Amino acid sequence: MDIVILDLEWNAAYSRRLKGYINEIIEFGAVKCGPGLEGKGAFSCFVKPQVGKHISGTISDLTSITDENLEDGMPFMRAVGRFRRWAGDCVVMTWGTSDILTLIENCRYFSGSEKVPFLSQYVDLQRYAQARMGLGTKEQVGLAKAAELLGVDVSGMDHHRAKDDSLMTLEILKKVYDPQALGEHLQACGEEFYKRMTFKTTYICDLQSPLVQRGHLQFACPRCGGESRRETKWSLKNKSFRAEFRCRACGCPFAGRLIIKQKYEGVAVNKKTFPLPEIQEPRKALPGPVGHMRLETPQGVGVLRFPAFGGAGWVNHAFSTRLGGVSGGEFAAMNLGFGRGDKDENVAENYHAFCRAAGFQAESLVAGAQDHHIHIRRVGPEHRGVGIWKPKDMESIDGLCTDAPGVTLVIYTADCVPLYFIDPEHHAIGLAHAGWRGTAAGMARAMAERMGAEFGSAPQQLLAAIGPSICRECFEVDEPVAREFMGLEGWERFVTMPEGPGGKYHVDLWECNRQFLLRAGLLPGNIAVGGVCTMCESDLVFSHRRTRGHRGSNCAMLCIQP
């Protein structure tokens, strides 16, 4: 059979019908070859959006596809029919399964059936290539990285464009091709295939589940490999179980993390051990400059503010510290995070104390369900209390904006970057959470664009500030994370290469966010960088990395004065 290598580009678009986001396909690209990999042609077409009216700035920057490019595109199902006639009876290959899942999602949305009309036999080329290269399946190797490892010449190819990516994938296939080895990766696309593809892996968050076995809960000593005993109760944080252990043989103390997932193939268990964290006591509350911010201590509560926002008297802003709360131990003392293991009554009292000291109405707080994406929500008076005193009413919200007085936006951080936005002309504000994923995905630019769409905010009028978070020197990362940033424009400004074999990359999240703000049109003089590192100042603010997750939560707050 012929082989067709398919690549897709898509844009995250909000669907009112789904009341959520769909990855709407905007471009098809493919190459066809015979069983001997002799070329038989190429396919490329744009798909006219039917859900999202505009391509996001981030996707446009990544792919160079513009709204104008898509004006003459064809509707999705017509593109599918055209591709089917071109492809004929073939084996479809993609680099990873994300393109196939997106196809299924789009077919379900536009035709009512999840079956992809041209899919009869399929190969996950990423999995096949990694097996042939001896890389296993523990980590997924990106297309560009695989090309680099195999010495594929990608000059003249436009990465993140569908046709060129399919050509790059074909060159990778030529390097690893073995028809006999390919056979075991060939999948017939029947009912079982679609069940497996669309099965959603779930986390098991109840140790009483019948799927949890006794052996899942046992850890070997990281020092001598001996049997250990658990010394603390299991706690559940971020869908993983954690406890402290001590080796029965050598006495080594350590922490264990357990993640249990129910996959299509069965239960998957991941165990990891860590040295026990060193928890610092909060420092003495002394007002004064910290980085480029100022520490105030009203009523003994530590409050960080930006002097650069001093002229905007119609807004109130703050960043919390560890100073002045009632929580103890690893949460000492101003923990503002529910669900981390602290007592709810302590967290509630901390909120009231911080709001009194910083000048916010406690009942006005609004928070979203942060999950390291760049989804943004406009909120108003009807949302006061949501996410703090009332349940969260929408998932996947890392940014909030409003033009309503008396609504306090709240973002949680503990090494991630809080981004503050103020529009003095239209009296509107925005607050965003940007972890490394959100930073690389362009949350800073996304918020500037959203405020323009919602309030008419001109980028040149916006004031922005980058709050307390991990600095370049402290943010050490491995190559897969560094590569996410090295694919961005001007990456040399915010990525530092390793020094010598085995060294780590360093990423400057502050500068990366600043560059996104500049590209969004903000003026350099209107961007304030707080210069407060959460790891360096971990006795002042909570740091996830410093304490290995044993910590409370900081909060960024921003409101229009009522």
Protein backbone atom coordinates (compact mmCIF):
# COMPACT_ATOMS: atom_id res chain seq x y z
CA MET A 1 0.00 0.00 0.00
CA ASP A 2 1.01 3.62 -0.47
CA ILE A 3 2.19 5.57 2.57
CA VAL A 4 0.75 9.02 3.33
CA ILE A 5 2.48 11.14 5.96
CA LEU A 6 0.04 13.71 7.32
CA ASP A 7 0.62 16.85 9.39
CA LEU A 8 -1.95 19.34 10.65
CA GLU A 9 -1.93 22.83 12.10
CA TRP A 10 -4.74 23.99 14.34
CA ASN A 11 -5.99 26.92 16.38
CA ALA A 12 -7.62 26.72 19.82
CA ALA A 13 -11.10 28.21 19.36
CA TYR A 14 -13.89 28.67 21.89
CA SER A 15 -17.11 26.87 20.93
CA ARG A 16 -20.38 28.10 22.36
CA ARG A 17 -21.93 24.76 21.46
CA LEU A 18 -19.36 22.85 23.52
CA LYS A 19 -19.00 25.63 26.10
CA GLY A 20 -15.29 24.96 25.85
CA TYR A 21 -12.35 24.97 23.48
CA ILE A 22 -11.77 22.88 20.37
CA ASN A 23 -8.52 22.53 18.41
CA GLU A 24 -9.90 23.68 15.06
CA ILE A 25 -7.81 22.45 12.13
CA ILE A 26 -6.63 25.27 9.84
CA GLU A 27 -4.17 23.51 7.51
CA PHE A 28 -3.64 20.06 5.95
CA GLY A 29 -0.24 19.03 4.64
CA ALA A 30 0.86 15.60 3.44
CA VAL A 31 3.25 13.66 1.22
CA LYS A 32 2.54 10.34 -0.51
CA CYS A 33 5.06 7.67 -1.38
CA GLY A 34 5.11 4.03 -2.41
CA PRO A 35 6.18 1.08 -0.22
CA GLY A 36 9.77 1.75 -1.27
CA LEU A 37 9.42 5.40 -0.24
CA GLU A 38 9.48 6.62 -3.86
CA GLY A 39 7.68 9.97 -4.05
CA LYS A 40 4.14 10.14 -5.45
CA GLY A 41 3.09 13.71 -4.74
CA ALA A 42 2.16 16.19 -2.05
CA PHE A 43 -1.04 17.74 -0.69
CA SER A 44 -1.63 21.10 0.96
CA CYS A 45 -4.71 23.18 1.70
CA PHE A 46 -5.99 25.76 4.15
CA VAL A 47 -9.18 25.13 6.11
CA LYS A 48 -11.53 28.04 6.63
CA PRO A 49 -12.35 28.43 10.34
CA GLN A 50 -15.97 27.84 11.28
CA VAL A 51 -15.64 28.11 15.07
CA GLY A 52 -12.93 30.67 15.81
CA LYS A 53 -13.15 33.96 13.95
CA HIS A 54 -9.48 34.80 14.28
CA ILE A 55 -6.18 32.98 14.71
CA SER A 56 -4.54 33.70 18.03
CA GLY A 57 -1.38 35.77 17.90
CA THR A 58 0.63 32.90 19.36
CA ILE A 59 -0.46 30.43 16.65
CA SER A 60 0.07 33.03 13.94
CA ASP A 61 3.59 33.70 15.24
CA LEU A 62 4.33 29.98 15.43
CA THR A 63 3.02 29.01 11.99
CA SER A 64 3.11 32.35 10.07
CA ILE A 65 -0.49 31.59 9.03
CA THR A 66 -2.72 34.68 9.03
CA ASP A 67 -6.48 35.29 8.93
CA GLU A 68 -6.04 36.45 5.33
CA ASN A 69 -4.49 33.08 4.38
CA LEU A 70 -7.62 31.29 5.56
CA GLU A 71 -10.20 33.49 3.83
CA ASP A 72 -10.09 31.32 0.69
CA GLY A 73 -9.78 28.05 2.60
CA MET A 74 -12.41 25.32 2.30
CA PRO A 75 -14.75 24.05 5.06
CA PHE A 76 -13.34 21.18 7.10
CA MET A 77 -15.47 18.33 5.76
CA ARG A 78 -14.84 19.42 2.16
CA ALA A 79 -11.10 19.40 2.91
CA VAL A 80 -11.46 15.89 4.34
CA GLY A 81 -13.25 14.72 1.15
CA ARG A 82 -10.60 16.26 -1.06
CA PHE A 83 -7.81 14.68 1.00
CA ARG A 84 -9.55 11.29 0.88
CA ARG A 85 -9.72 11.34 -2.93
CA TRP A 86 -6.06 12.35 -3.13
CA ALA A 87 -4.78 9.81 -0.58
CA GLY A 88 -6.66 6.78 -1.87
CA ASP A 89 -6.13 3.40 -0.20
CA CYS A 90 -3.09 3.99 2.00
CA VAL A 91 -1.38 3.69 5.36
CA VAL A 92 -1.62 7.04 7.17
CA MET A 93 1.33 8.07 9.36
CA THR A 94 1.64 11.01 11.72
CA TRP A 95 4.36 12.16 14.11
CA GLY A 96 2.67 11.27 17.40
CA THR A 97 -1.05 10.78 17.89
CA SER A 98 -2.06 14.40 18.54
CA ASP A 99 -2.95 14.99 14.86
CA ILE A 100 -5.17 11.90 14.82
CA LEU A 101 -6.91 12.93 18.03
CA THR A 102 -7.49 16.39 16.57
CA LEU A 103 -8.92 14.83 13.40
CA ILE A 104 -11.29 12.71 15.46
CA GLU A 105 -12.31 15.77 17.48
CA ASN A 106 -12.99 17.82 14.33
CA CYS A 107 -14.89 15.01 12.58
CA ARG A 108 -17.06 14.54 15.66
CA TYR A 109 -17.73 18.29 15.83
CA PHE A 110 -18.48 18.92 12.14
CA SER A 111 -20.05 15.63 11.02
CA GLY A 112 -21.39 14.05 14.20
CA SER A 113 -19.18 10.96 13.72
CA GLU A 114 -15.71 10.51 15.16
CA LYS A 115 -14.72 8.13 12.34
CA VAL A 116 -12.12 9.66 10.01
CA PRO A 117 -13.21 8.80 6.44
CA PHE A 118 -9.73 8.23 4.99
CA LEU A 119 -8.31 6.26 7.93
CA SER A 120 -8.11 2.49 7.44
CA GLN A 121 -4.57 1.67 8.59
CA TYR A 122 -2.37 3.83 10.78
CA VAL A 123 1.20 4.05 12.14
CA ASP A 124 2.40 6.36 14.90
CA LEU A 125 5.67 7.31 13.23
CA GLN A 126 7.05 8.98 16.34
CA ARG A 127 6.76 5.73 18.31
CA TYR A 128 8.19 3.71 15.43
CA ALA A 129 11.14 6.04 14.89
CA GLN A 130 12.00 6.16 18.60
CA ALA A 131 11.99 2.35 18.70
CA ARG A 132 14.28 2.18 15.68
CA MET A 133 16.59 4.79 17.24
CA GLY A 134 16.72 2.90 20.55
CA LEU A 135 15.14 5.78 22.49
CA GLY A 136 12.23 3.85 24.00
CA THR A 137 8.91 5.50 24.84
CA LYS A 138 9.55 7.07 28.25
CA GLU A 139 9.94 10.52 26.70
CA GLN A 140 8.46 11.78 23.45
CA VAL A 141 11.03 13.17 21.02
CA GLY A 142 9.86 16.16 19.00
CA LEU A 143 10.03 16.26 15.22
CA ALA A 144 12.86 18.81 15.04
CA LYS A 145 14.87 16.95 17.69
CA ALA A 146 14.52 13.65 15.86
CA ALA A 147 15.68 15.31 12.64
CA GLU A 148 18.70 16.71 14.48
CA LEU A 149 19.59 13.34 16.02
CA LEU A 150 19.40 11.63 12.63
CA GLY A 151 21.33 14.34 10.80
CA VAL A 152 18.39 15.25 8.54
CA ASP A 153 18.97 18.43 6.53
CA VAL A 154 15.96 20.66 7.31
CA SER A 155 17.27 23.78 5.57
CA GLY A 156 14.56 25.34 3.45
CA MET A 157 11.80 23.68 5.48
CA ASP A 158 9.42 25.86 7.47
CA HIS A 159 8.89 24.11 10.81
CA HIS A 160 5.29 24.32 12.11
CA ARG A 161 3.83 24.43 8.59
CA ALA A 162 1.90 21.30 7.69
CA LYS A 163 3.40 20.44 4.29
CA ASP A 164 7.01 21.12 5.31
CA ASP A 165 6.59 19.18 8.55
CA SER A 166 5.26 16.19 6.58
CA LEU A 167 8.30 16.43 4.26
CA MET A 168 10.59 16.55 7.30
CA THR A 169 8.82 13.49 8.71
CA LEU A 170 9.36 11.60 5.43
CA GLU A 171 13.10 12.34 5.59
CA ILE A 172 13.15 10.93 9.13
CA LEU A 173 11.29 7.82 7.94
CA LYS A 174 13.88 7.28 5.22
CA LYS A 175 16.62 7.20 7.88
CA VAL A 176 14.93 4.51 10.01
CA TYR A 177 12.82 2.61 7.47
CA ASP A 178 12.55 -1.14 7.76
CA PRO A 179 9.30 -2.57 6.29
CA GLN A 180 9.41 -5.63 8.53
CA ALA A 181 9.90 -3.58 11.72
CA LEU A 182 7.10 -1.29 10.59
CA GLY A 183 4.63 -4.17 10.55
CA GLU A 184 4.35 -4.48 14.32
CA HIS A 185 3.40 -0.79 14.54
CA LEU A 186 0.64 -1.04 11.93
CA GLN A 187 -2.84 -0.56 13.42
CA ALA A 188 -6.15 -1.42 11.75
CA CYS A 189 -8.54 1.50 12.31
CA GLY A 190 -11.59 -0.39 13.52
CA GLU A 191 -13.77 0.11 16.58
CA GLU A 192 -11.00 -0.98 18.95
CA PHE A 193 -8.63 1.60 17.45
CA TYR A 194 -11.05 4.46 18.12
CA LYS A 195 -11.73 3.22 21.65
CA ARG A 196 -8.02 3.16 22.38
CA MET A 197 -7.36 6.54 20.74
CA THR A 198 -10.17 8.37 22.52
CA PHE A 199 -9.73 6.69 25.90
CA LYS A 200 -8.99 9.38 28.45
CA THR A 201 -6.33 8.41 30.93
CA THR A 202 -7.49 9.19 34.47
CA TYR A 203 -5.61 9.65 37.72
CA ILE A 204 -6.56 7.41 40.63
CA CYS A 205 -6.90 9.75 43.60
CA ASP A 206 -8.35 7.30 46.14
CA LEU A 207 -6.02 4.79 47.75
CA GLN A 208 -9.07 2.68 48.70
CA SER A 209 -9.72 2.02 45.01
CA PRO A 210 -9.73 -1.71 44.20
CA LEU A 211 -7.22 -0.91 41.44
CA VAL A 212 -4.60 0.05 44.04
CA GLN A 213 -2.47 -2.90 45.20
CA ARG A 214 -0.33 -3.20 48.31
CA GLY A 215 2.87 -3.24 46.28
CA HIS A 216 2.01 0.11 44.73
CA LEU A 217 2.44 1.75 48.15
CA GLN A 218 5.88 0.31 48.96
CA PHE A 219 9.13 2.19 48.25
CA ALA A 220 12.72 0.95 48.16
CA CYS A 221 15.44 3.02 49.83
CA PRO A 222 17.15 5.30 47.25
CA ARG A 223 20.49 4.83 49.07
CA CYS A 224 20.78 1.07 49.65
CA GLY A 225 17.70 -0.37 47.95
CA GLY A 226 16.42 -1.83 51.21
CA GLU A 227 12.87 -2.06 52.50
CA SER A 228 11.43 1.12 54.03
CA ARG A 229 8.59 2.01 56.36
CA ARG A 230 6.20 4.90 55.90
CA GLU A 231 6.37 7.48 58.70
CA THR A 232 3.67 9.98 57.71
CA LYS A 233 0.14 9.77 56.37
CA TRP A 234 -0.39 9.89 52.63
CA SER A 235 -1.30 13.33 51.32
CA LEU A 236 -2.78 14.05 47.91
CA LYS A 237 -1.33 17.03 46.01
CA ASN A 238 -1.70 17.70 42.31
CA LYS A 239 -3.06 14.20 41.66
CA SER A 240 -0.05 12.52 43.28
CA PHE A 241 0.27 10.84 46.67
CA ARG A 242 3.17 11.81 48.90
CA ALA A 243 4.56 10.55 52.17
CA GLU A 244 7.81 10.37 54.12
CA PHE A 245 9.72 7.11 54.56
CA ARG A 246 12.72 5.74 56.46
CA CYS A 247 14.87 2.79 55.40
CA ARG A 248 14.70 -0.13 57.84
CA ALA A 249 18.29 -1.13 57.00
CA CYS A 250 20.35 2.08 56.77
CA GLY A 251 17.96 4.58 58.35
CA CYS A 252 17.94 6.94 55.34
CA PRO A 253 14.97 9.34 55.45
CA PHE A 254 13.35 10.31 52.15
CA ALA A 255 10.12 11.45 50.57
CA GLY A 256 8.17 9.31 48.13
CA ARG A 257 5.80 10.43 45.39
CA LEU A 258 3.29 8.03 43.87
CA ILE A 259 1.21 8.63 40.74
CA ILE A 260 -1.34 6.00 39.71
CA LYS A 261 -3.07 6.27 36.33
CA GLN A 262 -5.74 4.14 34.75
CA LYS A 263 -4.78 3.80 31.10
CA TYR A 264 -6.45 1.88 28.30
CA GLU A 265 -3.90 -0.92 28.72
CA GLY A 266 -4.37 -1.05 32.52
CA VAL A 267 -3.02 0.60 35.67
CA ALA A 268 0.29 2.48 35.37
CA VAL A 269 2.27 3.29 38.51
CA ASN A 270 5.02 5.89 38.71
CA LYS A 271 7.20 6.17 41.83
CA LYS A 272 9.86 8.71 42.60
CA THR A 273 11.93 9.45 45.68
CA PHE A 274 13.30 12.81 46.85
CA PRO A 275 15.45 14.11 49.67
CA LEU A 276 13.30 15.59 52.40
CA PRO A 277 12.82 19.36 52.00
CA GLU A 278 14.32 21.95 54.29
CA ILE A 279 11.57 24.28 55.47
CA GLN A 280 12.71 27.80 56.38
CA GLU A 281 11.07 29.95 59.01
CA PRO A 282 9.57 33.22 57.71
CA ARG A 283 11.93 36.15 58.09
CA LYS A 284 11.36 39.07 60.42
CA ALA A 285 8.92 41.57 58.96
CA LEU A 286 10.97 44.65 58.08
CA PRO A 287 9.57 47.12 55.52
CA GLY A 288 11.76 48.38 52.69
CA PRO A 289 12.86 47.64 49.12
CA VAL A 290 13.01 44.03 47.88
CA GLY A 291 14.31 43.78 44.32
CA HIS A 292 12.43 46.46 42.39
CA MET A 293 9.39 46.15 44.66
CA ARG A 294 8.62 47.52 48.10
CA LEU A 295 7.71 45.49 51.18
CA GLU A 296 5.07 47.04 53.43
CA THR A 297 4.02 45.57 56.76
CA PRO A 298 0.61 47.01 57.74
CA GLN A 299 -0.76 45.25 60.83
CA GLY A 300 2.30 42.97 60.74
CA VAL A 301 1.28 41.48 57.38
CA GLY A 302 3.86 41.47 54.58
CA VAL A 303 2.61 43.09 51.34
CA LEU A 304 4.73 43.54 48.20
CA ARG A 305 3.86 46.33 45.75
CA PHE A 306 5.27 47.89 42.57
CA PRO A 307 6.41 51.51 42.96
CA ALA A 308 5.83 51.81 39.19
CA PHE A 309 2.06 51.51 39.79
CA GLY A 310 2.05 54.35 42.31
CA GLY A 311 0.49 56.79 39.84
CA ALA A 312 -2.53 54.58 39.16
CA GLY A 313 -4.51 55.54 42.24
CA TRP A 314 -7.75 54.07 40.90
CA VAL A 315 -6.39 50.51 41.24
CA ASN A 316 -5.12 48.48 44.19
CA HIS A 317 -2.53 45.79 43.69
CA ALA A 318 -0.49 43.53 45.94
CA PHE A 319 1.52 40.32 46.16
CA SER A 320 1.31 38.28 49.35
CA THR A 321 4.24 37.10 51.47
CA ARG A 322 4.72 34.50 54.20
CA LEU A 323 4.57 37.21 56.86
CA GLY A 324 1.67 37.75 59.25
CA GLY A 325 -0.60 34.70 58.88
CA VAL A 326 -1.77 32.02 61.32
CA SER A 327 -0.61 28.85 59.50
CA GLY A 328 2.26 26.76 60.84
CA GLY A 329 4.95 24.33 59.70
CA GLU A 330 5.54 24.25 55.94
CA PHE A 331 2.57 26.64 55.50
CA ALA A 332 3.98 29.30 57.84
CA ALA A 333 2.52 31.70 58.03
CA MET A 334 0.40 33.49 55.37
CA ASN A 335 -0.73 30.50 53.30
CA LEU A 336 -3.48 31.51 50.85
CA GLY A 337 -3.90 28.12 49.17
CA PHE A 338 -6.86 25.89 49.96
CA GLY A 339 -6.35 22.17 49.29
CA ARG A 340 -2.63 22.01 50.03
CA GLY A 341 -3.03 20.27 53.39
CA ASP A 342 -3.42 23.33 55.61
CA LYS A 343 -6.59 23.72 57.67
CA ASP A 344 -9.32 25.54 55.73
CA GLU A 345 -10.08 27.77 58.71
CA ASN A 346 -6.42 28.89 58.78
CA VAL A 347 -6.47 29.75 55.07
CA ALA A 348 -9.75 31.65 55.44
CA GLU A 349 -8.39 33.65 58.37
CA ASN A 350 -5.24 34.41 56.36
CA TYR A 351 -7.33 35.76 53.48
CA HIS A 352 -9.25 38.07 55.79
CA ALA A 353 -6.05 39.28 57.47
CA PHE A 354 -4.25 39.91 54.17
CA CYS A 355 -7.24 41.70 52.63
CA ARG A 356 -7.58 43.96 55.68
CA ALA A 357 -3.89 44.83 55.59
CA ALA A 358 -3.65 45.29 51.81
CA GLY A 359 -6.95 47.14 51.38
CA PHE A 360 -9.11 44.60 49.53
CA GLN A 361 -12.67 43.45 50.26
CA ALA A 362 -12.38 39.77 51.14
CA GLU A 363 -15.79 39.00 49.63
CA SER A 364 -14.72 40.52 46.28
CA LEU A 365 -12.03 37.93 45.44
CA VAL A 366 -12.29 35.93 42.17
CA ALA A 367 -9.94 33.07 41.18
CA GLY A 368 -9.83 30.61 38.27
CA ALA A 369 -8.84 26.97 37.92
CA GLN A 370 -5.19 27.31 36.85
CA ASP A 371 -3.70 24.51 34.74
CA HIS A 372 -0.79 26.11 32.83
CA HIS A 373 -2.69 27.08 29.67
CA ILE A 374 -3.43 30.55 28.29
CA HIS A 375 -7.21 30.61 28.62
CA ILE A 376 -8.55 33.95 29.85
CA ARG A 377 -11.92 34.86 31.34
CA ARG A 378 -13.63 38.21 31.72
CA VAL A 379 -15.33 38.47 35.12
CA GLY A 380 -17.74 40.91 36.70
CA PRO A 381 -19.61 41.61 39.96
CA GLU A 382 -21.62 38.40 39.61
CA HIS A 383 -18.39 36.39 39.99
CA ARG A 384 -17.32 37.87 43.33
CA GLY A 385 -16.27 35.03 45.63
CA VAL A 386 -15.91 32.41 42.86
CA GLY A 387 -12.88 30.20 43.34
CA ILE A 388 -12.29 31.36 46.93
CA TRP A 389 -15.52 31.35 48.94
CA LYS A 390 -17.60 29.69 46.20
CA PRO A 391 -16.67 26.68 44.03
CA LYS A 392 -14.77 27.29 40.79
CA ASP A 393 -17.35 27.39 37.99
CA MET A 394 -15.02 26.94 35.00
CA GLU A 395 -11.95 24.79 34.39
CA SER A 396 -8.69 25.86 32.71
CA ILE A 397 -8.54 29.57 33.49
CA ASP A 398 -5.07 31.07 33.96
CA GLY A 399 -5.98 34.68 33.24
CA LEU A 400 -8.72 37.05 34.49
CA CYS A 401 -9.71 40.51 33.30
CA THR A 402 -12.41 43.03 34.22
CA ASP A 403 -13.49 46.65 33.99
CA ALA A 404 -15.84 46.32 36.98
CA PRO A 405 -14.92 48.21 40.18
CA GLY A 406 -14.87 46.18 43.38
CA VAL A 407 -13.92 42.85 41.73
CA THR A 408 -10.54 41.59 42.95
CA LEU A 409 -8.66 39.32 40.56
CA VAL A 410 -6.60 36.59 42.26
CA ILE A 411 -3.80 34.42 40.83
CA TYR A 412 -1.91 31.72 42.77
CA THR A 413 1.84 31.32 42.32
CA ALA A 414 4.88 29.75 43.98
CA ASP A 415 7.70 30.18 41.40
CA CYS A 416 5.40 30.77 38.38
CA VAL A 417 5.10 34.29 37.00
CA PRO A 418 2.22 36.63 37.92
CA LEU A 419 1.53 39.24 35.23
CA TYR A 420 -0.32 42.46 36.09
CA PHE A 421 -2.03 44.62 33.42
CA ILE A 422 -3.58 48.08 33.83
CA ASP A 423 -5.36 50.13 31.16
CA PRO A 424 -5.48 53.75 32.46
CA GLU A 425 -7.54 54.94 29.48
CA HIS A 426 -10.44 52.48 29.71
CA HIS A 427 -10.08 51.71 33.43
CA ALA A 428 -9.66 47.97 32.87
CA ILE A 429 -7.30 45.44 34.44
CA GLY A 430 -5.96 41.94 33.84
CA LEU A 431 -4.05 39.42 35.94
CA ALA A 432 -2.43 36.27 34.55
CA HIS A 433 -0.62 33.17 35.79
CA ALA A 434 2.31 32.15 33.56
CA GLY A 435 4.23 29.04 34.51
CA TRP A 436 6.95 27.96 32.11
CA ARG A 437 4.35 26.41 29.79
CA GLY A 438 2.14 29.50 29.88
CA THR A 439 5.16 31.74 29.40
CA ALA A 440 6.36 29.79 26.35
CA ALA A 441 2.82 29.72 24.94
CA GLY A 442 2.61 33.51 25.11
CA MET A 443 0.26 34.25 28.02
CA ALA A 444 1.67 37.80 28.23
CA ARG A 445 0.72 38.57 24.66
CA ALA A 446 -2.58 36.70 24.95
CA MET A 447 -3.70 38.93 27.83
CA ALA A 448 -2.74 42.12 26.00
CA GLU A 449 -4.73 40.95 22.97
CA ARG A 450 -7.71 39.90 25.09
CA MET A 451 -7.86 43.28 26.81
CA GLY A 452 -7.82 44.91 23.40
CA ALA A 453 -10.73 42.73 22.29
CA GLU A 454 -12.75 43.18 25.51
CA PHE A 455 -12.13 46.82 26.40
CA GLY A 456 -10.47 48.42 23.37
CA SER A 457 -7.17 48.61 25.25
CA ALA A 458 -4.37 49.96 23.08
CA PRO A 459 -1.06 48.15 23.79
CA GLN A 460 0.82 51.47 23.88
CA GLN A 461 -1.40 52.60 26.79
CA LEU A 462 -1.13 49.42 28.85
CA LEU A 463 0.97 49.27 32.01
CA ALA A 464 2.33 45.83 32.89
CA ALA A 465 4.33 44.33 35.73
CA ILE A 466 6.09 41.00 36.18
CA GLY A 467 5.73 39.84 39.76
CA PRO A 468 7.74 37.66 42.18
CA SER A 469 8.75 34.36 40.56
CA ILE A 470 11.80 32.21 39.90
CA CYS A 471 14.82 34.00 38.39
CA ARG A 472 17.13 32.92 35.55
CA GLU A 473 19.91 31.69 37.86
CA CYS A 474 17.51 29.48 39.84
CA PHE A 475 15.41 28.15 36.95
CA GLU A 476 17.52 25.20 35.81
CA VAL A 477 15.89 23.00 33.17
CA ASP A 478 16.69 19.99 31.04
CA GLU A 479 16.84 20.05 27.25
CA PRO A 480 13.15 19.21 26.51
CA VAL A 481 11.99 22.31 28.42
CA ALA A 482 14.77 24.48 26.99
CA ARG A 483 13.76 23.43 23.48
CA GLU A 484 10.27 24.82 24.03
CA PHE A 485 11.83 28.24 24.55
CA MET A 486 14.48 27.87 21.86
CA GLY A 487 11.71 27.66 19.29
CA LEU A 488 10.64 31.22 20.15
CA GLU A 489 11.77 34.39 18.42
CA GLY A 490 14.81 35.96 20.10
CA TRP A 491 15.36 32.96 22.39
CA GLU A 492 19.00 33.92 22.88
CA ARG A 493 17.78 36.74 25.15
CA PHE A 494 16.29 34.38 27.71
CA VAL A 495 17.94 30.94 27.34
CA THR A 496 21.44 30.26 28.68
CA MET A 497 23.18 27.17 27.30
CA PRO A 498 24.77 24.56 29.63
CA GLU A 499 28.32 25.02 30.80
CA GLY A 500 30.12 21.78 30.06
CA PRO A 501 28.84 18.17 29.81
CA GLY A 502 25.93 17.35 32.08
CA GLY A 503 25.19 21.03 32.72
CA LYS A 504 21.72 22.52 32.88
CA TYR A 505 20.03 25.11 30.71
CA HIS A 506 18.80 28.28 32.42
CA VAL A 507 15.65 30.12 31.31
CA ASP A 508 14.80 33.73 32.19
CA LEU A 509 11.00 33.72 32.48
CA TRP A 510 10.99 37.44 33.27
CA GLU A 511 12.73 38.39 30.04
CA CYS A 512 10.71 35.93 27.96
CA ASN A 513 7.46 37.47 29.22
CA ARG A 514 8.87 40.95 28.68
CA GLN A 515 9.71 40.11 25.07
CA PHE A 516 6.16 38.86 24.49
CA LEU A 517 4.83 42.12 25.95
CA LEU A 518 7.06 44.17 23.66
CA ARG A 519 5.96 42.17 20.62
CA ALA A 520 2.35 42.77 21.68
CA GLY A 521 3.04 46.49 21.35
CA LEU A 522 3.66 47.58 24.96
CA LEU A 523 6.20 50.34 25.44
CA PRO A 524 9.44 49.38 27.25
CA GLY A 525 8.94 52.13 29.82
CA ASN A 526 5.49 50.76 30.69
CA ILE A 527 6.79 47.32 31.73
CA ALA A 528 7.98 46.87 35.33
CA VAL A 529 9.99 43.81 36.35
CA GLY A 530 9.70 43.18 40.09
CA GLY A 531 13.09 41.46 40.31
CA VAL A 532 12.03 39.34 43.31
CA CYS A 533 13.08 35.67 43.02
CA THR A 534 10.88 33.27 44.96
CA MET A 535 13.74 30.78 45.44
CA CYS A 536 16.28 33.39 46.56
CA GLU A 537 13.70 34.97 48.89
CA SER A 538 12.06 31.75 50.08
CA ASP A 539 11.94 32.98 53.68
CA LEU A 540 9.76 35.85 52.41
CA VAL A 541 7.58 34.12 49.79
CA PHE A 542 6.70 30.50 49.08
CA SER A 543 8.86 28.62 46.55
CA HIS A 544 7.75 25.27 45.12
CA ARG A 545 11.24 24.27 43.99
CA ARG A 546 13.01 25.27 47.18
CA THR A 547 10.68 23.20 49.36
CA ARG A 548 10.03 20.40 46.84
CA GLY A 549 6.32 21.12 46.96
CA HIS A 550 6.03 21.35 50.75
CA ARG A 551 4.68 24.88 50.92
CA GLY A 552 1.71 27.21 50.95
CA SER A 553 0.56 29.49 48.13
CA ASN A 554 1.31 33.11 47.34
CA CYS A 555 -1.37 35.27 45.76
CA ALA A 556 -1.25 38.17 43.34
CA MET A 557 -4.25 40.50 43.67
CA LEU A 558 -5.48 43.37 41.51
CA CYS A 559 -8.70 45.37 41.57
CA ILE A 560 -10.31 48.60 40.46
CA GLN A 561 -11.10 50.59 43.59
CA PRO A 562 -14.83 50.40 44.39
